[in-house]
N, C-alpha and C. Protein backbone atom coordinates (compact mmCIF):
# COMPACT_ATOMS: atom_id res chain seq x y z
N UNK A 1 44.54 -105.15 -61.02
CA UNK A 1 45.51 -104.26 -60.36
C UNK A 1 44.83 -103.47 -59.25
N UNK A 2 43.65 -102.94 -59.55
CA UNK A 2 42.90 -102.18 -58.55
C UNK A 2 42.53 -103.08 -57.39
N UNK A 3 42.17 -104.36 -57.75
CA UNK A 3 41.81 -105.31 -56.71
C UNK A 3 42.99 -105.59 -55.80
N UNK A 4 44.20 -105.69 -56.40
CA UNK A 4 45.42 -105.94 -55.63
C UNK A 4 45.69 -104.80 -54.67
N UNK A 5 45.54 -103.54 -55.15
CA UNK A 5 45.76 -102.38 -54.30
C UNK A 5 44.75 -102.35 -53.16
N UNK A 6 43.50 -102.74 -53.45
CA UNK A 6 42.46 -102.76 -52.42
C UNK A 6 42.80 -103.77 -51.35
N UNK A 7 43.30 -104.95 -51.79
CA UNK A 7 43.69 -105.98 -50.83
C UNK A 7 44.84 -105.51 -49.95
N UNK A 8 45.82 -104.82 -50.59
CA UNK A 8 46.98 -104.30 -49.84
C UNK A 8 46.51 -103.29 -48.80
N UNK A 9 45.60 -102.41 -49.23
CA UNK A 9 45.09 -101.37 -48.32
C UNK A 9 44.35 -102.00 -47.15
N UNK A 10 43.54 -103.02 -47.45
CA UNK A 10 42.80 -103.71 -46.39
C UNK A 10 43.74 -104.36 -45.40
N UNK A 11 44.79 -105.03 -45.93
CA UNK A 11 45.76 -105.69 -45.06
C UNK A 11 46.48 -104.68 -44.19
N UNK A 12 46.84 -103.53 -44.78
CA UNK A 12 47.54 -102.49 -44.03
C UNK A 12 46.65 -101.92 -42.93
N UNK A 13 45.35 -101.73 -43.29
CA UNK A 13 44.40 -101.21 -42.30
C UNK A 13 44.25 -102.16 -41.12
N UNK A 14 44.14 -103.47 -41.45
CA UNK A 14 44.02 -104.47 -40.39
C UNK A 14 45.25 -104.49 -39.51
N UNK A 15 46.43 -104.32 -40.14
CA UNK A 15 47.69 -104.31 -39.40
C UNK A 15 47.74 -103.12 -38.43
N UNK A 16 47.31 -101.95 -38.91
CA UNK A 16 47.29 -100.75 -38.07
C UNK A 16 46.31 -100.94 -36.91
N UNK A 17 45.12 -101.47 -37.24
CA UNK A 17 44.12 -101.67 -36.20
C UNK A 17 44.62 -102.64 -35.14
N UNK A 18 45.31 -103.71 -35.59
CA UNK A 18 45.84 -104.70 -34.65
C UNK A 18 46.91 -104.05 -33.76
N UNK A 19 47.78 -103.22 -34.38
CA UNK A 19 48.82 -102.54 -33.62
C UNK A 19 48.21 -101.59 -32.59
N UNK A 20 47.17 -100.85 -33.04
CA UNK A 20 46.48 -99.94 -32.12
C UNK A 20 45.83 -100.71 -30.99
N UNK A 21 45.21 -101.86 -31.32
CA UNK A 21 44.56 -102.65 -30.29
C UNK A 21 45.56 -103.14 -29.26
N UNK A 22 46.71 -103.63 -29.73
CA UNK A 22 47.73 -104.12 -28.81
C UNK A 22 48.24 -103.01 -27.91
N UNK A 23 48.40 -101.82 -28.49
CA UNK A 23 48.85 -100.66 -27.70
C UNK A 23 47.83 -100.32 -26.62
N UNK A 24 46.55 -100.25 -27.03
CA UNK A 24 45.49 -99.93 -26.09
C UNK A 24 45.37 -101.00 -25.02
N UNK A 25 45.44 -102.28 -25.44
CA UNK A 25 45.32 -103.38 -24.48
C UNK A 25 46.46 -103.34 -23.47
N UNK A 26 47.68 -103.08 -23.95
CA UNK A 26 48.83 -103.00 -23.05
C UNK A 26 48.64 -101.88 -22.05
N UNK A 27 48.21 -100.72 -22.53
CA UNK A 27 47.97 -99.59 -21.64
C UNK A 27 46.89 -99.90 -20.62
N UNK A 28 45.85 -100.58 -21.07
CA UNK A 28 44.74 -100.91 -20.19
C UNK A 28 45.20 -101.86 -19.09
N UNK A 29 45.97 -102.87 -19.46
CA UNK A 29 46.47 -103.83 -18.47
C UNK A 29 47.35 -103.12 -17.46
N UNK A 30 48.23 -102.23 -17.94
CA UNK A 30 49.09 -101.49 -17.02
C UNK A 30 48.27 -100.64 -16.08
N UNK A 31 47.23 -99.97 -16.62
CA UNK A 31 46.39 -99.13 -15.79
C UNK A 31 45.65 -99.94 -14.74
N UNK A 32 45.09 -101.09 -15.16
CA UNK A 32 44.37 -101.94 -14.22
C UNK A 32 45.30 -102.43 -13.13
N UNK A 33 46.54 -102.79 -13.52
CA UNK A 33 47.51 -103.25 -12.53
C UNK A 33 47.77 -102.20 -11.48
N UNK A 34 47.93 -100.95 -11.93
CA UNK A 34 48.18 -99.86 -10.98
C UNK A 34 47.00 -99.67 -10.06
N UNK A 35 45.79 -99.75 -10.62
CA UNK A 35 44.60 -99.57 -9.79
C UNK A 35 44.46 -100.70 -8.79
N UNK A 36 44.75 -101.93 -9.22
CA UNK A 36 44.64 -103.06 -8.30
C UNK A 36 45.64 -102.95 -7.17
N UNK A 37 46.82 -102.40 -7.47
CA UNK A 37 47.83 -102.22 -6.44
C UNK A 37 47.39 -101.19 -5.42
N UNK A 38 46.80 -100.10 -5.90
CA UNK A 38 46.43 -99.01 -5.00
C UNK A 38 45.14 -99.28 -4.25
N UNK A 39 44.24 -100.07 -4.85
CA UNK A 39 42.88 -100.19 -4.32
C UNK A 39 42.80 -100.67 -2.87
N UNK A 40 43.60 -101.69 -2.43
CA UNK A 40 43.47 -102.13 -1.04
C UNK A 40 43.64 -100.99 -0.04
N UNK A 41 44.56 -100.07 -0.32
CA UNK A 41 44.75 -98.94 0.58
C UNK A 41 43.55 -97.99 0.52
N UNK A 42 43.14 -97.63 -0.70
CA UNK A 42 42.06 -96.66 -0.87
C UNK A 42 40.75 -97.21 -0.32
N UNK A 43 40.40 -98.45 -0.71
CA UNK A 43 39.14 -99.03 -0.30
C UNK A 43 39.07 -99.22 1.21
N UNK A 44 40.17 -99.61 1.79
CA UNK A 44 40.21 -99.89 3.21
C UNK A 44 39.99 -98.63 4.04
N UNK A 45 40.47 -97.49 3.55
CA UNK A 45 40.47 -96.28 4.36
C UNK A 45 39.38 -95.29 3.96
N UNK A 46 38.62 -95.57 2.89
CA UNK A 46 37.68 -94.57 2.38
C UNK A 46 36.47 -94.36 3.28
N UNK A 47 36.00 -93.12 3.41
CA UNK A 47 34.72 -92.87 4.05
C UNK A 47 33.60 -93.33 3.15
N UNK A 48 32.38 -93.39 3.67
CA UNK A 48 31.26 -93.81 2.81
C UNK A 48 30.85 -92.69 1.87
N UNK A 49 30.01 -93.04 0.89
CA UNK A 49 29.62 -92.10 -0.16
C UNK A 49 28.90 -90.88 0.40
N UNK A 50 28.10 -91.09 1.44
CA UNK A 50 27.35 -89.97 2.01
C UNK A 50 28.28 -88.93 2.63
N UNK A 51 29.33 -89.42 3.28
CA UNK A 51 30.30 -88.49 3.88
C UNK A 51 31.02 -87.70 2.81
N UNK A 52 31.42 -88.37 1.74
CA UNK A 52 32.12 -87.68 0.65
C UNK A 52 31.21 -86.64 0.01
N UNK A 53 29.96 -87.03 -0.24
CA UNK A 53 29.01 -86.11 -0.88
C UNK A 53 28.76 -84.88 -0.01
N UNK A 54 28.73 -85.08 1.29
CA UNK A 54 28.47 -83.96 2.20
C UNK A 54 29.66 -83.02 2.29
N UNK A 55 30.85 -83.51 1.98
CA UNK A 55 32.04 -82.68 2.01
C UNK A 55 32.52 -82.36 3.40
N UNK A 56 32.03 -83.09 4.39
CA UNK A 56 32.42 -82.84 5.77
C UNK A 56 33.76 -83.48 6.12
N UNK A 57 34.18 -83.33 7.38
CA UNK A 57 35.45 -83.91 7.83
C UNK A 57 35.45 -85.44 7.74
N UNK A 58 36.62 -85.98 7.52
CA UNK A 58 36.83 -87.43 7.45
C UNK A 58 37.86 -87.81 8.51
N UNK A 59 37.53 -88.80 9.32
CA UNK A 59 38.43 -89.24 10.38
C UNK A 59 39.13 -90.54 9.98
N UNK A 60 40.44 -90.57 10.15
CA UNK A 60 41.25 -91.74 9.79
C UNK A 60 42.10 -92.12 10.99
N UNK A 61 42.08 -93.39 11.35
CA UNK A 61 42.94 -93.88 12.43
C UNK A 61 44.27 -94.33 11.82
N UNK A 62 45.35 -93.68 12.22
CA UNK A 62 46.66 -93.96 11.63
C UNK A 62 47.48 -94.97 12.43
N UNK A 63 46.87 -95.59 13.43
CA UNK A 63 47.61 -96.48 14.31
C UNK A 63 48.27 -97.65 13.57
N UNK A 64 47.63 -98.11 12.48
CA UNK A 64 48.16 -99.27 11.76
C UNK A 64 49.05 -98.90 10.58
N UNK A 65 49.25 -97.61 10.34
CA UNK A 65 50.10 -97.19 9.21
C UNK A 65 51.57 -97.32 9.62
N UNK A 66 52.27 -98.16 8.93
CA UNK A 66 53.66 -98.46 9.28
C UNK A 66 54.61 -97.34 8.88
N UNK A 67 55.75 -97.28 9.53
CA UNK A 67 56.78 -96.30 9.19
C UNK A 67 57.20 -96.47 7.74
N UNK A 68 57.19 -95.37 7.00
CA UNK A 68 57.55 -95.41 5.59
C UNK A 68 56.40 -95.73 4.65
N UNK A 69 55.23 -96.04 5.19
CA UNK A 69 54.08 -96.42 4.38
C UNK A 69 53.21 -95.21 4.03
N UNK A 70 52.60 -95.26 2.85
CA UNK A 70 51.61 -94.27 2.45
C UNK A 70 50.24 -94.93 2.36
N UNK A 71 49.21 -94.20 2.80
CA UNK A 71 47.84 -94.59 2.52
C UNK A 71 47.17 -93.43 1.77
N UNK A 72 46.08 -93.72 1.08
CA UNK A 72 45.36 -92.71 0.32
C UNK A 72 43.89 -92.77 0.73
N UNK A 73 43.34 -91.63 1.10
CA UNK A 73 41.91 -91.55 1.43
C UNK A 73 41.27 -90.46 0.57
N UNK A 74 39.94 -90.45 0.54
CA UNK A 74 39.24 -89.42 -0.22
C UNK A 74 38.59 -88.42 0.73
N UNK A 75 38.74 -87.16 0.40
CA UNK A 75 38.07 -86.10 1.13
C UNK A 75 37.56 -85.09 0.10
N UNK A 76 36.27 -84.82 0.10
CA UNK A 76 35.64 -83.96 -0.90
C UNK A 76 36.00 -84.41 -2.31
N UNK A 77 36.03 -85.69 -2.55
CA UNK A 77 36.38 -86.35 -3.82
C UNK A 77 37.87 -86.26 -4.16
N UNK A 78 38.66 -85.58 -3.35
CA UNK A 78 40.09 -85.44 -3.64
C UNK A 78 40.90 -86.56 -2.97
N UNK A 79 41.96 -87.05 -3.65
CA UNK A 79 42.84 -88.01 -2.98
C UNK A 79 43.73 -87.28 -1.98
N UNK A 80 43.82 -87.81 -0.79
CA UNK A 80 44.69 -87.26 0.24
C UNK A 80 45.79 -88.28 0.53
N UNK A 81 47.04 -87.87 0.30
CA UNK A 81 48.18 -88.72 0.58
C UNK A 81 48.60 -88.54 2.04
N UNK A 82 48.74 -89.65 2.74
CA UNK A 82 49.19 -89.62 4.14
C UNK A 82 50.38 -90.56 4.25
N UNK A 83 51.51 -90.04 4.73
CA UNK A 83 52.72 -90.85 4.85
C UNK A 83 53.22 -90.79 6.28
N UNK A 84 53.55 -91.97 6.81
CA UNK A 84 54.21 -92.06 8.11
C UNK A 84 55.72 -91.97 7.84
N UNK A 85 56.28 -90.79 8.03
CA UNK A 85 57.68 -90.55 7.65
C UNK A 85 58.64 -91.05 8.72
N UNK A 86 59.67 -91.72 8.27
CA UNK A 86 60.69 -92.27 9.17
C UNK A 86 61.65 -91.16 9.62
N UNK A 87 62.44 -91.41 10.67
CA UNK A 87 63.47 -90.43 11.06
C UNK A 87 64.44 -90.11 9.93
N UNK A 88 64.75 -91.11 9.09
CA UNK A 88 65.67 -90.88 7.96
C UNK A 88 65.03 -89.92 6.95
N UNK A 89 63.74 -90.08 6.69
CA UNK A 89 63.04 -89.17 5.77
C UNK A 89 63.04 -87.76 6.33
N UNK A 90 62.73 -87.62 7.60
CA UNK A 90 62.69 -86.30 8.22
C UNK A 90 64.06 -85.63 8.18
N UNK A 91 65.10 -86.41 8.38
CA UNK A 91 66.45 -85.85 8.32
C UNK A 91 66.76 -85.35 6.91
N UNK A 92 66.34 -86.11 5.91
CA UNK A 92 66.59 -85.73 4.52
C UNK A 92 65.87 -84.44 4.15
N UNK A 93 64.70 -84.20 4.73
CA UNK A 93 63.93 -82.99 4.41
C UNK A 93 64.68 -81.71 4.75
N UNK A 94 65.66 -81.81 5.66
CA UNK A 94 66.43 -80.64 6.07
C UNK A 94 67.79 -80.55 5.39
N UNK A 95 68.12 -81.53 4.55
CA UNK A 95 69.46 -81.55 3.95
C UNK A 95 69.66 -80.39 2.99
N UNK A 96 70.83 -79.82 3.03
CA UNK A 96 71.16 -78.66 2.19
C UNK A 96 71.05 -79.00 0.71
N UNK A 97 71.48 -80.20 0.35
CA UNK A 97 71.45 -80.59 -1.06
C UNK A 97 70.02 -80.67 -1.58
N UNK A 98 69.09 -81.18 -0.76
CA UNK A 98 67.70 -81.24 -1.18
C UNK A 98 67.09 -79.85 -1.27
N UNK A 99 67.31 -79.02 -0.27
CA UNK A 99 66.73 -77.68 -0.26
C UNK A 99 67.15 -76.88 -1.49
N UNK A 100 68.37 -77.11 -1.96
CA UNK A 100 68.86 -76.39 -3.14
C UNK A 100 68.13 -76.80 -4.41
N UNK A 101 67.49 -77.97 -4.40
CA UNK A 101 66.79 -78.47 -5.59
C UNK A 101 65.32 -78.06 -5.63
N UNK A 102 64.83 -77.42 -4.56
CA UNK A 102 63.40 -77.14 -4.44
C UNK A 102 63.05 -75.71 -4.86
N UNK A 103 61.87 -75.54 -5.43
CA UNK A 103 61.43 -74.22 -5.90
C UNK A 103 60.97 -73.34 -4.73
N UNK A 104 60.30 -73.93 -3.75
CA UNK A 104 59.78 -73.18 -2.61
C UNK A 104 60.06 -73.97 -1.33
N UNK A 105 61.32 -74.08 -0.93
CA UNK A 105 61.68 -74.93 0.21
C UNK A 105 61.11 -74.46 1.54
N UNK A 106 60.85 -73.17 1.67
CA UNK A 106 60.36 -72.62 2.95
C UNK A 106 58.85 -72.44 2.96
N UNK A 107 58.17 -72.97 1.95
CA UNK A 107 56.71 -72.87 1.87
C UNK A 107 56.23 -71.43 1.97
N UNK A 108 56.86 -70.54 1.19
CA UNK A 108 56.48 -69.13 1.19
C UNK A 108 55.13 -68.93 0.50
N UNK A 109 54.83 -69.75 -0.52
CA UNK A 109 53.55 -69.64 -1.21
C UNK A 109 52.45 -70.24 -0.34
N UNK A 110 51.25 -69.69 -0.43
CA UNK A 110 50.13 -70.14 0.38
C UNK A 110 49.56 -71.44 -0.20
N UNK A 111 50.21 -72.53 0.13
CA UNK A 111 49.76 -73.86 -0.28
C UNK A 111 49.49 -74.74 0.93
N UNK A 112 49.44 -74.14 2.11
CA UNK A 112 49.22 -74.89 3.34
C UNK A 112 48.69 -73.96 4.42
N UNK A 113 48.06 -74.50 5.45
CA UNK A 113 47.59 -73.66 6.56
C UNK A 113 48.76 -73.07 7.33
N UNK A 114 48.54 -72.00 8.08
CA UNK A 114 49.62 -71.43 8.90
C UNK A 114 50.25 -72.45 9.84
N UNK A 115 49.43 -73.36 10.36
CA UNK A 115 49.97 -74.34 11.31
C UNK A 115 50.78 -75.46 10.64
N UNK A 116 50.83 -75.45 9.32
CA UNK A 116 51.69 -76.39 8.60
C UNK A 116 52.75 -75.66 7.79
N UNK A 117 52.97 -74.40 8.07
CA UNK A 117 54.02 -73.64 7.39
C UNK A 117 55.30 -73.78 8.20
N UNK A 118 55.93 -74.91 8.03
CA UNK A 118 57.17 -75.24 8.73
C UNK A 118 57.98 -76.20 7.87
N UNK A 119 59.11 -76.63 8.33
CA UNK A 119 59.99 -77.44 7.48
C UNK A 119 59.43 -78.81 7.14
N UNK A 120 58.47 -79.33 7.93
CA UNK A 120 57.85 -80.61 7.61
C UNK A 120 56.51 -80.45 6.90
N UNK A 121 55.99 -79.20 6.86
CA UNK A 121 54.68 -78.90 6.29
C UNK A 121 53.60 -79.77 6.94
N UNK A 122 53.64 -79.84 8.27
CA UNK A 122 52.71 -80.72 8.97
C UNK A 122 52.55 -80.28 10.42
N UNK A 123 51.53 -80.84 11.06
CA UNK A 123 51.35 -80.62 12.49
C UNK A 123 52.28 -81.52 13.28
N UNK A 124 52.24 -82.80 12.98
CA UNK A 124 53.16 -83.76 13.59
C UNK A 124 54.22 -84.10 12.54
N UNK A 125 55.49 -83.93 12.86
CA UNK A 125 56.54 -84.13 11.86
C UNK A 125 56.47 -85.48 11.15
N UNK A 126 56.10 -86.53 11.87
CA UNK A 126 56.13 -87.85 11.25
C UNK A 126 55.04 -88.07 10.21
N UNK A 127 53.96 -87.28 10.24
CA UNK A 127 52.84 -87.52 9.33
C UNK A 127 52.71 -86.42 8.28
N UNK A 128 52.93 -86.82 7.02
CA UNK A 128 52.65 -85.93 5.89
C UNK A 128 51.19 -86.09 5.50
N UNK A 129 50.50 -84.96 5.29
CA UNK A 129 49.11 -84.97 4.84
C UNK A 129 48.99 -83.93 3.72
N UNK A 130 48.83 -84.39 2.47
CA UNK A 130 48.74 -83.47 1.34
C UNK A 130 47.65 -83.91 0.37
N UNK A 131 47.14 -82.95 -0.39
CA UNK A 131 46.23 -83.27 -1.49
C UNK A 131 47.06 -83.85 -2.63
N UNK A 132 46.72 -85.06 -3.06
CA UNK A 132 47.53 -85.75 -4.06
C UNK A 132 47.18 -85.39 -5.48
N UNK A 133 47.21 -84.09 -5.79
CA UNK A 133 46.90 -83.61 -7.14
C UNK A 133 48.03 -82.69 -7.58
N UNK A 134 48.67 -83.02 -8.70
CA UNK A 134 49.78 -82.22 -9.20
C UNK A 134 49.30 -80.79 -9.50
N UNK A 135 50.10 -79.83 -9.12
CA UNK A 135 49.72 -78.42 -9.30
C UNK A 135 49.97 -77.92 -10.72
N UNK A 136 50.34 -78.82 -11.63
CA UNK A 136 50.50 -78.42 -13.03
C UNK A 136 49.16 -78.52 -13.74
N UNK A 137 48.72 -79.77 -14.01
CA UNK A 137 47.47 -79.96 -14.75
C UNK A 137 46.52 -80.92 -14.05
N UNK A 138 46.73 -81.16 -12.77
CA UNK A 138 45.76 -81.94 -12.01
C UNK A 138 45.88 -83.44 -12.10
N UNK A 139 47.04 -83.96 -12.52
CA UNK A 139 47.25 -85.41 -12.54
C UNK A 139 47.52 -85.91 -11.12
N UNK A 140 47.58 -87.22 -10.94
CA UNK A 140 47.83 -87.82 -9.64
C UNK A 140 49.27 -88.34 -9.59
N UNK A 141 50.13 -87.73 -8.80
CA UNK A 141 51.53 -88.19 -8.72
C UNK A 141 51.64 -89.58 -8.09
N UNK A 142 52.74 -90.25 -8.39
CA UNK A 142 53.01 -91.59 -7.87
C UNK A 142 53.98 -91.51 -6.70
N UNK A 143 53.68 -92.25 -5.66
CA UNK A 143 54.56 -92.36 -4.49
C UNK A 143 55.82 -93.12 -4.90
N UNK A 144 56.94 -92.41 -4.94
CA UNK A 144 58.22 -92.98 -5.40
C UNK A 144 59.24 -92.71 -4.31
N UNK A 145 59.13 -93.47 -3.22
CA UNK A 145 59.79 -93.11 -1.97
C UNK A 145 61.23 -93.58 -1.84
N UNK A 146 61.65 -94.52 -2.66
CA UNK A 146 62.98 -95.09 -2.50
C UNK A 146 64.06 -94.13 -3.01
N UNK A 147 65.00 -93.72 -2.15
CA UNK A 147 66.10 -92.85 -2.62
C UNK A 147 66.86 -93.51 -3.77
N UNK A 148 67.21 -92.71 -4.77
CA UNK A 148 67.95 -93.21 -5.93
C UNK A 148 67.09 -93.84 -6.99
N UNK A 149 65.79 -93.98 -6.77
CA UNK A 149 64.92 -94.65 -7.72
C UNK A 149 64.80 -93.90 -9.04
N UNK A 150 64.92 -92.58 -8.98
CA UNK A 150 64.82 -91.76 -10.20
C UNK A 150 66.16 -91.11 -10.54
N UNK A 151 67.24 -91.71 -10.11
CA UNK A 151 68.57 -91.14 -10.34
C UNK A 151 69.31 -90.97 -9.03
N UNK A 152 70.63 -90.80 -9.10
CA UNK A 152 71.47 -90.76 -7.90
C UNK A 152 71.09 -89.68 -6.89
N UNK A 153 70.56 -88.55 -7.37
CA UNK A 153 70.24 -87.45 -6.45
C UNK A 153 68.81 -87.51 -5.92
N UNK A 154 68.04 -88.51 -6.35
CA UNK A 154 66.63 -88.58 -5.94
C UNK A 154 66.52 -88.94 -4.46
N UNK A 155 65.88 -88.08 -3.64
CA UNK A 155 65.80 -88.33 -2.20
C UNK A 155 64.58 -89.16 -1.80
N UNK A 156 63.69 -89.43 -2.75
CA UNK A 156 62.40 -90.05 -2.45
C UNK A 156 61.33 -88.98 -2.44
N UNK A 157 60.15 -89.33 -2.95
CA UNK A 157 59.07 -88.35 -3.00
C UNK A 157 57.99 -88.78 -3.95
N UNK A 158 57.58 -87.86 -4.85
CA UNK A 158 56.48 -88.11 -5.77
C UNK A 158 56.90 -87.73 -7.19
N UNK A 159 56.46 -88.54 -8.14
CA UNK A 159 56.67 -88.27 -9.56
C UNK A 159 55.32 -88.21 -10.25
N UNK A 160 55.09 -87.13 -10.99
CA UNK A 160 53.90 -87.03 -11.84
C UNK A 160 54.29 -87.50 -13.23
N UNK A 161 53.77 -88.64 -13.66
CA UNK A 161 54.17 -89.24 -14.93
C UNK A 161 53.65 -88.46 -16.13
N UNK A 162 52.64 -87.62 -15.94
CA UNK A 162 52.07 -86.88 -17.07
C UNK A 162 53.11 -85.99 -17.75
N UNK A 163 53.81 -85.17 -16.95
CA UNK A 163 54.78 -84.22 -17.52
C UNK A 163 56.09 -84.14 -16.73
N UNK A 164 56.28 -85.07 -15.80
CA UNK A 164 57.57 -85.18 -15.14
C UNK A 164 57.79 -84.32 -13.91
N UNK A 165 56.74 -83.73 -13.38
CA UNK A 165 56.90 -82.92 -12.17
C UNK A 165 57.27 -83.82 -10.99
N UNK A 166 58.06 -83.27 -10.07
CA UNK A 166 58.54 -84.04 -8.92
C UNK A 166 58.35 -83.24 -7.63
N UNK A 167 58.08 -83.98 -6.57
CA UNK A 167 57.91 -83.38 -5.24
C UNK A 167 58.66 -84.23 -4.22
N UNK A 168 59.13 -83.60 -3.14
CA UNK A 168 59.78 -84.38 -2.09
C UNK A 168 58.74 -84.91 -1.12
N UNK A 169 59.19 -85.54 -0.03
CA UNK A 169 58.27 -86.15 0.91
C UNK A 169 57.72 -85.16 1.94
N UNK A 170 57.81 -83.87 1.61
CA UNK A 170 57.02 -82.85 2.30
C UNK A 170 56.05 -82.23 1.30
N UNK A 171 56.00 -82.78 0.08
CA UNK A 171 55.13 -82.24 -0.96
C UNK A 171 55.67 -80.97 -1.60
N UNK A 172 56.98 -80.71 -1.43
CA UNK A 172 57.59 -79.50 -2.00
C UNK A 172 58.06 -79.78 -3.42
N UNK A 173 57.75 -78.88 -4.33
CA UNK A 173 58.04 -79.10 -5.74
C UNK A 173 59.51 -78.81 -6.06
N UNK A 174 60.05 -79.58 -6.99
CA UNK A 174 61.43 -79.38 -7.43
C UNK A 174 61.51 -78.25 -8.46
N UNK A 175 62.68 -77.70 -8.59
CA UNK A 175 62.94 -76.71 -9.64
C UNK A 175 62.96 -77.40 -11.01
N UNK A 176 62.70 -76.62 -12.06
CA UNK A 176 62.87 -77.11 -13.42
C UNK A 176 61.83 -78.12 -13.88
N UNK A 177 60.68 -78.15 -13.22
CA UNK A 177 59.58 -79.03 -13.65
C UNK A 177 58.36 -78.17 -13.97
N UNK A 178 57.38 -78.72 -14.68
CA UNK A 178 56.22 -77.89 -15.06
C UNK A 178 55.39 -77.40 -13.88
N UNK A 179 55.27 -78.19 -12.83
CA UNK A 179 54.42 -77.80 -11.69
C UNK A 179 54.98 -76.54 -11.03
N UNK A 180 54.13 -75.53 -10.80
CA UNK A 180 54.61 -74.26 -10.27
C UNK A 180 54.67 -74.17 -8.75
N UNK A 181 53.90 -75.04 -8.05
CA UNK A 181 53.75 -74.87 -6.61
C UNK A 181 53.80 -76.21 -5.88
N UNK A 182 54.02 -76.12 -4.58
CA UNK A 182 54.00 -77.31 -3.72
C UNK A 182 52.62 -77.94 -3.70
N UNK A 183 52.56 -79.22 -3.35
CA UNK A 183 51.27 -79.88 -3.18
C UNK A 183 50.51 -79.21 -2.03
N UNK A 184 49.21 -78.98 -2.17
CA UNK A 184 48.46 -78.33 -1.11
C UNK A 184 48.33 -79.21 0.13
N UNK A 185 48.32 -78.57 1.28
CA UNK A 185 48.01 -79.25 2.55
C UNK A 185 46.58 -78.87 2.92
N UNK A 186 45.70 -79.85 3.14
CA UNK A 186 44.31 -79.53 3.49
C UNK A 186 44.20 -79.12 4.96
N UNK A 187 43.09 -78.53 5.35
CA UNK A 187 42.86 -78.30 6.77
C UNK A 187 42.76 -79.66 7.47
N UNK A 188 43.40 -79.79 8.61
CA UNK A 188 43.29 -81.03 9.37
C UNK A 188 43.72 -80.81 10.80
N UNK A 189 43.39 -81.75 11.64
CA UNK A 189 43.81 -81.73 13.04
C UNK A 189 43.92 -83.16 13.54
N UNK A 190 44.48 -83.32 14.73
CA UNK A 190 44.55 -84.63 15.36
C UNK A 190 43.61 -84.67 16.56
N UNK A 191 42.91 -85.79 16.68
CA UNK A 191 42.07 -86.06 17.84
C UNK A 191 42.74 -87.18 18.62
N UNK A 192 43.66 -86.82 19.50
CA UNK A 192 44.50 -87.82 20.15
C UNK A 192 45.78 -88.03 19.36
N UNK A 193 46.47 -89.13 19.62
CA UNK A 193 47.78 -89.37 19.02
C UNK A 193 47.71 -89.76 17.55
N UNK A 194 46.75 -90.61 17.19
CA UNK A 194 46.76 -91.16 15.83
C UNK A 194 45.46 -90.95 15.06
N UNK A 195 44.46 -90.33 15.63
CA UNK A 195 43.21 -90.09 14.89
C UNK A 195 43.31 -88.76 14.16
N UNK A 196 43.39 -88.87 12.83
CA UNK A 196 43.52 -87.71 11.96
C UNK A 196 42.14 -87.29 11.47
N UNK A 197 41.81 -86.01 11.60
CA UNK A 197 40.54 -85.48 11.12
C UNK A 197 40.83 -84.53 9.96
N UNK A 198 40.54 -84.96 8.74
CA UNK A 198 40.79 -84.17 7.54
C UNK A 198 39.57 -83.31 7.24
N UNK A 199 39.80 -82.02 7.02
CA UNK A 199 38.71 -81.11 6.72
C UNK A 199 38.26 -80.28 7.90
N UNK A 200 39.00 -80.40 9.00
CA UNK A 200 38.68 -79.63 10.20
C UNK A 200 39.98 -79.06 10.76
N UNK A 201 39.94 -77.82 11.22
CA UNK A 201 41.14 -77.15 11.72
C UNK A 201 41.32 -77.36 13.23
N UNK A 202 42.55 -77.18 13.72
CA UNK A 202 42.74 -77.11 15.17
C UNK A 202 41.97 -75.92 15.74
N UNK A 203 41.67 -75.97 17.00
CA UNK A 203 40.90 -74.92 17.65
C UNK A 203 41.56 -73.55 17.44
N UNK A 204 40.76 -72.56 17.06
CA UNK A 204 41.26 -71.21 16.85
C UNK A 204 41.75 -70.92 15.45
N UNK A 205 41.77 -71.93 14.55
CA UNK A 205 42.22 -71.76 13.16
C UNK A 205 41.01 -71.79 12.23
N UNK A 206 41.10 -71.08 11.09
CA UNK A 206 39.97 -71.05 10.16
C UNK A 206 40.41 -71.22 8.71
N UNK A 207 41.44 -72.02 8.48
CA UNK A 207 41.95 -72.23 7.13
C UNK A 207 40.97 -73.05 6.30
N UNK A 208 40.85 -72.67 5.02
CA UNK A 208 40.01 -73.39 4.06
C UNK A 208 40.86 -73.78 2.85
N UNK A 209 40.57 -74.95 2.27
CA UNK A 209 41.34 -75.40 1.10
C UNK A 209 41.18 -74.42 -0.07
N UNK A 210 40.11 -73.64 -0.09
CA UNK A 210 39.89 -72.66 -1.15
C UNK A 210 40.89 -71.50 -1.08
N UNK A 211 41.64 -71.40 0.02
CA UNK A 211 42.59 -70.31 0.18
C UNK A 211 43.92 -70.57 -0.53
N UNK A 212 44.19 -71.79 -0.94
CA UNK A 212 45.49 -72.09 -1.53
C UNK A 212 45.64 -71.41 -2.89
N UNK A 213 46.89 -71.22 -3.30
CA UNK A 213 47.18 -70.56 -4.57
C UNK A 213 46.74 -71.42 -5.77
N UNK A 214 46.95 -72.72 -5.65
CA UNK A 214 46.70 -73.61 -6.77
C UNK A 214 46.32 -74.98 -6.24
N UNK A 215 45.20 -75.49 -6.72
CA UNK A 215 44.74 -76.82 -6.29
C UNK A 215 44.60 -77.72 -7.50
C-alpha cells in the first residue's frame, strides 16, 4: 500500500514537472519570438558598446524610417522609441475624445524638456522620441499602433503587458492605469532634416534626463 502511494506521488510529481516545463517552454518560445521580431530594428540602429558605455550622444539617421514605423535605439542603456507619425496620427493626438482619456494631456508634469512641452511632445511633430520604459515599474511597453486593436476606443499607442498601462502615440498616459506619468522625453536635437542626436539639447537649452519626475 505504501509502495502504491509512493508510485502515485512520483507520477503526480512527474506530471507537475512536465506541466511546468511545458509552461516555461511556451513562455520561452513566445519571448524569443518577440525578441527576434524586434532585433532587426534594434541591431540595425544601435550605437557601438563604447558609445553606450560613455553615455554620450547617439546620432540616428531617420531618412529610411517609413511613415507609421517605429525603430528602437539604445541611449545610456535605455531603449528609445522613435516613431515617424503620419498625418492621421497627428490629427488623432488633438482629438477631444482622446484628450478626455488621458491623465496629463497637456504635459503639465515635468516628463519632457521645455522644447517638447507641446501637443506633440516633440521638436518636429512627425517624430516621436521617448524613453521606452513604463513609468509604473520599469517594464518595456509594446508598440500597438493600430486603432481599435485594444478595443473600439483604442487610438493606437503603447501597451505595457506587465500591469496594463497604456500610452498614446505622444507617450501620454491614459487614466485609470497603474502608470502615474507620461513616458519621458530625453534631451535631443536635430542636425539637419533627418539626423537625430539623442542626448544633446538644441543650442541654448540645458535639459537633463535626470530632471524628469519619473524614469
